[in-house]
Amino acid sequence: MKFDKREMLKYVGDLSQLFGIKDYRLIGGKADGVRAIDIKNGSGLEITVIPDRGLDISYLSYKGINMSYISKTGIVAPQYYDDTGTKFLRSFFAGFLTTCGLVQAGAPCIDEGQEYGLHGRISNIPAEEVYAGTEFIEDTAVMKVKGKVREATFFGENLILNREITVPYGENKFIIYDTVENMGFRDEPLMILYHCNFGYPLLTSKSYFISWSESVYPRDEEAAKGINEYSRFQLPTPNFKEQVFYHKMKCDDEGKTFAALINPIQQVGIVIWFNKNQLWNLTQWKMMGEGEYVLGIEPGNCHVGGRKKSREDGTLEFIKPGEIRKFKLEVEILEGEEEIKELEELAKK
C-alpha cells in the first residue's frame, strides 16, 4: 500500500498512532525478563515477536480476531528449557510460530550415540544483534525485526539462523525470510520445521483446512482413525489423542505451494505460502483436546519422526561447510468470501 509520510503527518503527531513497533520486556513468572516486540501495521494485523525465544512469534491477530494458540505454559524464558526427552513441552508456548531444529526436529531419539530431545534447541536460544524498526521503502512503510540465532557446541555444530520478519504497512500479510549458514568445517545435519499453530476463535468446529496436496497419509494408527476427517474439526473433546498427517504437496513451476485454515462463519482465513524446493514436507497436527485445542500447519525439510529415523529412511539433509540455505514463509490473511473461494479453486488444480 502506498504511503505518503508527509501527508500522513498532517493528521498525527507521531506515526505510532497508526502503525509501528513496541519493544519491551515481560514481567513476572517464568516469562520474567523475556524481550518482546509488538508490531501493528495499520490494517488490523498485529503480531508479537519474541527475540529471546529464537525470534519466534507468540501472538497473531487480525482486526481483533485471535489466530494463534498459546499453550498452558504461557511464555517461558529460555533459562527454563530442558532438552531431555519430551521436556521441551514444559517450555512449548506454541504461539503462532515455534521453529524446530536446527540439527534435530521431531521425536526424541538417540542418533549415532548422541541423545536429542523433542524438536531441537533453536526455539529456546536467545537471538543476537536484534534490530526492530520501521523503514520507508518504495513509497510504503515496512516494519522489520531481524537478528541471528546461533546453535553451536564445542566439538560439534556451528549453525547460524539469520531471520528477518517484514510487515508492510496496510497489507494483510507478513513475510519470514530465513537463512541457515554452516559456520563450521564439516557437514552437519540440517532439520528445520516451521511449527505454525492456530487456535480459537479462528479454529472452531466449523473451520476447515485446505491445502494444495497431491496425497495425504497418516503418521500412525491413531492418525489413521481420523484420515477421512483430516480437514475438518470438532468441539473440544475429552481425552482426544493427537493426530498427525503428512502431505505430499503440489506446487507451481517455481515450487510455491500453500496450506490454510478457513473460518466460514467469520469469513476469514490464514494461508501459509512456502516453497516445496526448500521445504518438501507438510506436517499437519490436529489436536482437539480440552484446553489443547490447536491445529498445526508445519512446513519442513523433514518428517517428525526424529533425526535417527530420518537418517535411516534416507531423508536426513546435510549442510556443507560455508553453505547457506534459504527459507521463506509468507503469511497471508484472507478476508471475505471472494478471497476464500479463489484459494479453494487453486487447491483443486
Protein backbone atom coordinates (compact mmCIF):
# COMPACT_ATOMS: atom_id res chain seq x y z
CA MET A 1 0.00 0.00 0.00
CA LYS A 2 1.37 3.41 -0.95
CA PHE A 3 2.22 5.69 1.93
CA ASP A 4 2.79 9.45 1.81
CA LYS A 5 4.63 10.18 5.04
CA ARG A 6 4.44 13.95 4.78
CA GLU A 7 0.72 13.87 4.06
CA MET A 8 0.07 11.44 6.92
CA LEU A 9 1.98 13.64 9.37
CA LYS A 10 -0.61 16.36 8.81
CA TYR A 11 -3.09 14.18 10.69
CA VAL A 12 -0.96 12.76 13.54
CA GLY A 13 1.74 13.87 15.93
CA ASP A 14 3.54 10.53 15.78
CA LEU A 15 3.09 7.70 13.30
CA SER A 16 2.84 5.17 16.16
CA GLN A 17 -0.78 6.30 16.39
CA LEU A 18 -1.34 4.31 13.19
CA PHE A 19 1.36 1.65 12.97
CA GLY A 20 4.78 0.74 14.28
CA ILE A 21 6.83 -1.29 16.74
CA LYS A 22 6.83 -1.51 20.52
CA ASP A 23 9.88 -3.13 22.14
CA TYR A 24 9.60 -4.16 25.81
CA ARG A 25 10.24 -6.89 28.41
CA LEU A 26 7.73 -9.10 30.20
CA ILE A 27 7.45 -9.10 33.99
CA GLY A 28 6.51 -11.95 36.32
CA GLY A 29 6.56 -15.73 36.45
CA LYS A 30 8.57 -17.80 34.00
CA ALA A 31 8.21 -15.02 31.42
CA ASP A 32 10.09 -12.54 33.57
CA GLY A 33 12.68 -10.60 31.59
CA VAL A 34 11.72 -12.02 28.19
CA ARG A 35 12.06 -9.46 25.42
CA ALA A 36 9.00 -8.99 23.22
CA ILE A 37 8.32 -6.84 20.15
CA ASP A 38 4.79 -5.89 19.14
CA ILE A 39 4.11 -4.93 15.54
CA LYS A 40 0.90 -3.33 14.25
CA ASN A 41 0.68 -2.45 10.59
CA GLY A 42 -2.36 -0.18 10.30
CA SER A 43 -4.65 -2.73 8.67
CA GLY A 44 -5.58 -4.64 11.82
CA LEU A 45 -2.69 -7.11 11.60
CA GLU A 46 -0.80 -7.42 14.90
CA ILE A 47 1.99 -9.84 15.81
CA THR A 48 4.38 -10.31 18.74
CA VAL A 49 7.95 -11.46 18.09
CA ILE A 50 9.95 -12.99 20.95
CA PRO A 51 13.70 -12.39 20.35
CA ASP A 52 14.67 -14.34 23.47
CA ARG A 53 12.92 -17.38 22.04
CA GLY A 54 14.68 -17.63 18.70
CA LEU A 55 12.76 -14.72 17.13
CA ASP A 56 9.63 -16.86 17.11
CA ILE A 57 6.13 -15.39 17.06
CA SER A 58 3.76 -15.74 20.01
CA TYR A 59 0.60 -13.74 19.33
CA LEU A 60 -1.08 -13.13 15.97
CA SER A 61 -4.40 -11.39 15.45
CA TYR A 62 -6.28 -9.64 12.67
CA LYS A 63 -8.92 -6.98 13.36
CA GLY A 64 -9.30 -8.30 16.88
CA ILE A 65 -9.66 -11.95 15.85
CA ASN A 66 -7.06 -14.15 17.56
CA MET A 67 -5.39 -16.61 15.20
CA SER A 68 -2.59 -18.17 17.26
CA TYR A 69 -2.64 -20.75 20.04
CA ILE A 70 -0.99 -20.15 23.41
CA SER A 71 -0.43 -23.30 25.45
CA LYS A 72 -0.92 -23.68 29.19
CA THR A 73 2.79 -22.99 29.79
CA GLY A 74 2.42 -19.37 28.70
CA ILE A 75 5.56 -17.56 27.56
CA VAL A 76 8.60 -19.24 29.14
CA ALA A 77 12.07 -17.72 29.38
CA PRO A 78 14.88 -19.75 27.75
CA GLN A 79 16.66 -20.46 31.04
CA TYR A 80 13.89 -22.92 31.98
CA TYR A 81 14.43 -25.05 28.86
CA ASP A 82 15.21 -28.75 29.38
CA ASP A 83 16.42 -30.58 26.26
CA THR A 84 15.94 -34.14 27.52
CA GLY A 85 13.21 -36.38 26.15
CA THR A 86 9.89 -34.58 25.80
CA LYS A 87 10.60 -31.92 28.45
CA PHE A 88 10.62 -29.41 25.58
CA LEU A 89 6.86 -29.39 26.19
CA ARG A 90 7.34 -27.57 29.51
CA SER A 91 8.58 -24.56 27.52
CA PHE A 92 6.34 -25.02 24.47
CA PHE A 93 4.16 -21.91 24.45
CA ALA A 94 3.34 -22.80 20.82
CA GLY A 95 2.27 -19.32 19.73
CA PHE A 96 1.85 -18.67 16.04
CA LEU A 97 5.36 -19.94 15.30
CA THR A 98 7.74 -22.24 17.12
CA THR A 99 10.78 -23.04 14.99
CA CYS A 100 12.05 -26.59 15.38
CA GLY A 101 15.65 -27.56 14.55
CA LEU A 102 18.36 -26.99 13.53
CA VAL A 103 20.15 -30.32 13.89
CA GLN A 104 17.11 -32.17 15.25
CA ALA A 105 13.36 -31.86 14.77
CA GLY A 106 10.59 -34.25 15.71
CA ALA A 107 10.54 -37.11 18.20
CA PRO A 108 13.29 -37.60 20.82
CA CYS A 109 15.93 -40.09 19.75
CA ILE A 110 19.49 -41.31 20.10
CA ASP A 111 21.36 -40.83 16.84
CA GLU A 112 24.94 -42.05 16.47
CA GLY A 113 25.32 -42.20 20.24
CA GLN A 114 24.02 -38.67 20.90
CA GLU A 115 20.72 -38.04 22.68
CA TYR A 116 18.36 -35.47 21.14
CA GLY A 117 15.22 -34.08 22.72
CA LEU A 118 11.89 -33.26 21.14
CA HIS A 119 12.07 -30.69 18.31
CA GLY A 120 15.59 -29.44 18.99
CA ARG A 121 17.01 -26.36 20.70
CA ILE A 122 16.66 -23.44 18.28
CA SER A 123 13.38 -22.03 19.64
CA ASN A 124 14.90 -21.75 23.12
CA ILE A 125 18.04 -19.85 22.10
CA PRO A 126 18.00 -16.04 22.50
CA ALA A 127 18.74 -14.05 19.36
CA GLU A 128 21.77 -11.79 18.91
CA GLU A 129 22.16 -8.48 17.05
CA VAL A 130 18.41 -7.86 17.11
CA TYR A 131 17.05 -4.92 15.14
CA ALA A 132 13.47 -3.68 15.29
CA GLY A 133 12.32 -0.63 13.38
CA THR A 134 10.24 0.97 10.66
CA GLU A 135 11.75 1.67 7.26
CA PHE A 136 10.30 3.63 4.33
CA ILE A 137 10.83 1.60 1.17
CA GLU A 138 9.41 2.28 -2.32
CA ASP A 139 6.62 4.61 -1.18
CA THR A 140 5.48 2.49 1.73
CA ALA A 141 6.37 1.80 5.34
CA VAL A 142 7.73 -1.59 6.35
CA MET A 143 8.13 -2.80 9.92
CA LYS A 144 11.13 -5.09 10.34
CA VAL A 145 12.51 -7.34 13.05
CA LYS A 146 15.71 -9.22 12.38
CA GLY A 147 18.58 -10.92 14.15
CA LYS A 148 20.61 -14.10 14.29
CA VAL A 149 20.29 -17.22 16.41
CA ARG A 150 23.38 -19.37 16.96
CA GLU A 151 23.15 -23.12 17.57
CA ALA A 152 26.64 -24.25 18.43
CA THR A 153 28.57 -26.58 20.71
CA PHE A 154 32.24 -27.29 21.32
CA PHE A 155 33.28 -30.35 19.27
CA GLY A 156 30.01 -30.03 17.36
CA GLU A 157 27.86 -27.92 15.07
CA ASN A 158 28.13 -24.17 14.46
CA LEU A 159 24.99 -23.10 12.63
CA ILE A 160 23.62 -19.56 12.35
CA LEU A 161 19.96 -18.84 11.66
CA ASN A 162 19.53 -15.32 10.28
CA ARG A 163 15.87 -14.27 10.43
CA GLU A 164 14.11 -11.21 9.06
CA ILE A 165 10.38 -10.65 9.60
CA THR A 166 8.86 -7.92 7.43
CA VAL A 167 5.37 -6.48 7.91
CA PRO A 168 4.27 -3.98 5.23
CA TYR A 169 2.05 -1.07 6.19
CA GLY A 170 -1.64 -1.51 5.41
CA GLU A 171 -1.40 -5.02 3.96
CA ASN A 172 -2.84 -8.32 5.17
CA LYS A 173 0.41 -10.26 5.18
CA PHE A 174 3.90 -10.62 6.60
CA ILE A 175 6.97 -12.48 5.42
CA ILE A 176 9.60 -14.54 7.24
CA TYR A 177 12.97 -14.69 5.49
CA ASP A 178 15.44 -17.19 6.98
CA THR A 179 18.93 -18.27 6.06
CA VAL A 180 20.91 -21.01 7.78
CA GLU A 181 24.69 -20.86 7.41
CA ASN A 182 27.14 -23.58 8.39
CA MET A 183 29.94 -21.63 10.07
CA GLY A 184 31.82 -24.83 10.85
CA PHE A 185 34.17 -27.08 8.89
CA ARG A 186 32.24 -30.31 8.48
CA ASP A 187 28.93 -31.42 7.03
CA GLU A 188 26.11 -31.10 9.58
CA PRO A 189 22.57 -32.49 9.62
CA LEU A 190 20.02 -29.77 8.91
CA MET A 191 16.44 -30.22 10.07
CA ILE A 192 14.03 -27.28 10.14
CA LEU A 193 10.31 -27.32 10.81
CA TYR A 194 8.06 -24.25 10.97
CA HIS A 195 5.57 -25.24 13.67
CA CYS A 196 2.71 -22.78 12.90
CA ASN A 197 -0.14 -23.07 15.42
CA PHE A 198 -3.74 -21.90 15.06
CA GLY A 199 -6.29 -21.56 17.83
CA TYR A 200 -9.72 -20.34 18.87
CA PRO A 201 -11.70 -18.38 17.72
CA LEU A 202 -10.21 -18.83 14.24
CA LEU A 203 -10.21 -22.58 14.88
CA THR A 204 -13.70 -23.90 15.67
CA SER A 205 -15.81 -26.93 14.81
CA LYS A 206 -16.98 -25.00 11.71
CA SER A 207 -13.48 -24.24 10.44
CA TYR A 208 -11.75 -26.31 7.78
CA PHE A 209 -8.26 -26.97 6.45
CA ILE A 210 -7.32 -26.70 2.79
CA SER A 211 -4.01 -27.29 1.04
CA TRP A 212 -2.54 -27.85 -2.39
CA SER A 213 -1.94 -31.52 -1.61
CA GLU A 214 -1.33 -34.37 -4.01
CA SER A 215 -1.83 -37.00 -1.31
CA VAL A 216 -2.28 -37.26 2.46
CA TYR A 217 -1.25 -40.14 4.69
CA PRO A 218 -1.35 -40.75 8.46
CA ARG A 219 1.75 -40.85 10.65
CA ASP A 220 0.50 -43.75 12.78
CA GLU A 221 -2.52 -45.85 13.75
CA GLU A 222 -4.11 -43.05 15.76
CA ALA A 223 -3.98 -40.71 12.78
CA ALA A 224 -5.32 -43.46 10.52
CA LYS A 225 -8.53 -43.43 12.58
CA GLY A 226 -9.12 -39.82 11.51
CA ILE A 227 -7.78 -39.81 7.96
CA ASN A 228 -11.23 -39.28 6.44
CA GLU A 229 -11.76 -36.19 8.61
CA TYR A 230 -8.25 -34.70 8.48
CA SER A 231 -9.54 -31.41 7.03
CA ARG A 232 -12.46 -30.98 9.46
CA PHE A 233 -12.60 -30.16 13.13
CA GLN A 234 -14.83 -30.70 16.14
CA LEU A 235 -15.66 -29.28 19.54
CA PRO A 236 -13.02 -29.67 22.29
CA THR A 237 -13.08 -33.38 23.05
CA PRO A 238 -12.18 -35.12 26.33
CA ASN A 239 -9.19 -37.47 26.07
CA PHE A 240 -8.55 -36.67 22.41
CA LYS A 241 -5.25 -38.11 21.17
CA GLU A 242 -3.23 -36.08 18.70
CA GLN A 243 -3.43 -36.98 15.03
CA VAL A 244 -0.59 -36.21 12.64
CA PHE A 245 -0.83 -36.29 8.85
CA TYR A 246 1.83 -35.91 6.17
CA HIS A 247 1.03 -34.10 2.93
CA LYS A 248 2.79 -34.59 -0.38
CA MET A 249 2.38 -31.17 -1.95
CA LYS A 250 1.65 -29.94 -5.44
CA CYS A 251 3.32 -26.68 -6.47
CA ASP A 252 3.70 -24.21 -9.31
CA ASP A 253 6.68 -24.06 -11.66
CA GLU A 254 8.74 -22.18 -9.06
CA GLY A 255 7.87 -24.56 -6.21
CA LYS A 256 5.32 -22.30 -4.50
CA THR A 257 2.59 -24.08 -2.55
CA PHE A 258 0.31 -23.46 0.43
CA ALA A 259 -1.84 -24.66 3.31
CA ALA A 260 -4.60 -22.72 5.05
CA LEU A 261 -7.20 -22.64 7.81
CA ILE A 262 -10.58 -21.11 6.95
CA ASN A 263 -13.35 -19.96 9.29
CA PRO A 264 -16.50 -19.68 7.12
CA ILE A 265 -18.59 -18.08 9.87
CA GLN A 266 -16.22 -15.15 10.33
CA GLN A 267 -15.36 -15.25 6.60
CA VAL A 268 -11.67 -15.08 7.40
CA GLY A 269 -8.74 -17.38 6.86
CA ILE A 270 -4.97 -17.58 7.06
CA VAL A 271 -2.64 -19.03 4.43
CA ILE A 272 0.95 -20.21 4.79
CA TRP A 273 2.75 -19.91 1.44
CA PHE A 274 6.08 -21.76 1.18
CA ASN A 275 8.40 -23.29 -1.39
CA LYS A 276 8.44 -27.04 -1.88
CA ASN A 277 12.04 -26.87 -3.17
CA GLN A 278 13.07 -25.55 0.26
CA LEU A 279 10.54 -27.34 2.49
CA TRP A 280 9.44 -30.57 0.82
CA ASN A 281 7.13 -31.90 3.53
CA LEU A 282 3.99 -30.54 5.16
CA THR A 283 3.04 -31.96 8.55
CA GLN A 284 -0.48 -31.33 9.81
CA TRP A 285 -1.01 -31.61 13.57
CA LYS A 286 -4.63 -31.97 14.66
CA MET A 287 -5.19 -31.70 18.41
CA MET A 288 -8.81 -31.36 19.51
CA GLY A 289 -8.41 -31.80 23.27
CA GLU A 290 -9.94 -29.68 26.01
CA GLY A 291 -7.52 -26.83 26.70
CA GLU A 292 -5.28 -28.27 23.98
CA TYR A 293 -7.35 -27.22 21.01
CA VAL A 294 -4.98 -26.43 18.17
CA LEU A 295 -4.16 -27.02 14.52
CA GLY A 296 -0.51 -27.15 13.50
CA ILE A 297 0.46 -26.38 9.91
CA GLU A 298 4.15 -27.29 9.72
CA PRO A 299 6.21 -26.92 6.54
CA GLY A 300 9.62 -28.54 6.90
CA ASN A 301 12.54 -30.29 5.23
CA CYS A 302 11.85 -33.39 7.33
CA HIS A 303 9.21 -35.59 8.87
CA VAL A 304 8.63 -35.51 12.64
CA GLY A 305 9.97 -38.99 13.44
CA GLY A 306 13.25 -37.52 14.69
CA ARG A 307 16.81 -37.43 13.42
CA LYS A 308 17.54 -41.14 13.82
CA LYS A 309 14.52 -42.15 11.75
CA SER A 310 15.31 -39.53 9.09
CA ARG A 311 18.84 -40.89 8.80
CA GLU A 312 17.53 -44.45 8.49
CA ASP A 313 14.96 -43.64 5.79
CA GLY A 314 17.38 -41.51 3.79
CA THR A 315 15.56 -38.18 4.16
CA LEU A 316 18.06 -36.52 6.53
CA GLU A 317 19.52 -33.44 4.85
CA PHE A 318 23.01 -32.03 5.39
CA ILE A 319 24.51 -28.57 5.08
CA LYS A 320 28.12 -28.28 3.90
CA PRO A 321 30.80 -26.07 5.48
CA GLY A 322 30.20 -22.47 4.44
CA GLU A 323 26.91 -23.35 2.74
CA ILE A 324 23.90 -21.04 3.12
CA ARG A 325 20.37 -22.43 2.82
CA LYS A 326 17.40 -20.11 2.27
CA PHE A 327 13.82 -20.47 3.51
CA LYS A 328 10.82 -18.22 3.08
CA LEU A 329 7.30 -18.25 4.51
CA GLU A 330 4.62 -15.74 3.52
CA VAL A 331 1.67 -15.50 5.88
CA GLU A 332 -1.47 -14.01 4.32
CA ILE A 333 -4.82 -13.18 5.88
CA LEU A 334 -7.89 -13.84 3.72
CA GLU A 335 -11.00 -11.77 4.28
CA GLY A 336 -14.34 -12.27 2.59
CA GLU A 337 -15.99 -14.95 0.51
CA GLU A 338 -14.28 -13.96 -2.75
CA GLU A 339 -10.72 -14.33 -1.44
CA ILE A 340 -11.55 -17.63 0.23
CA LYS A 341 -13.20 -19.00 -2.91
CA GLU A 342 -10.20 -18.04 -5.03
CA LEU A 343 -7.88 -20.05 -2.78
CA GLU A 344 -10.25 -23.03 -2.79
CA GLU A 345 -10.23 -23.03 -6.58
CA LEU A 346 -6.43 -23.05 -6.60
CA ALA A 347 -6.43 -26.06 -4.23
CA LYS A 348 -8.50 -28.00 -6.78
CA LYS A 349 -5.98 -27.63 -9.60
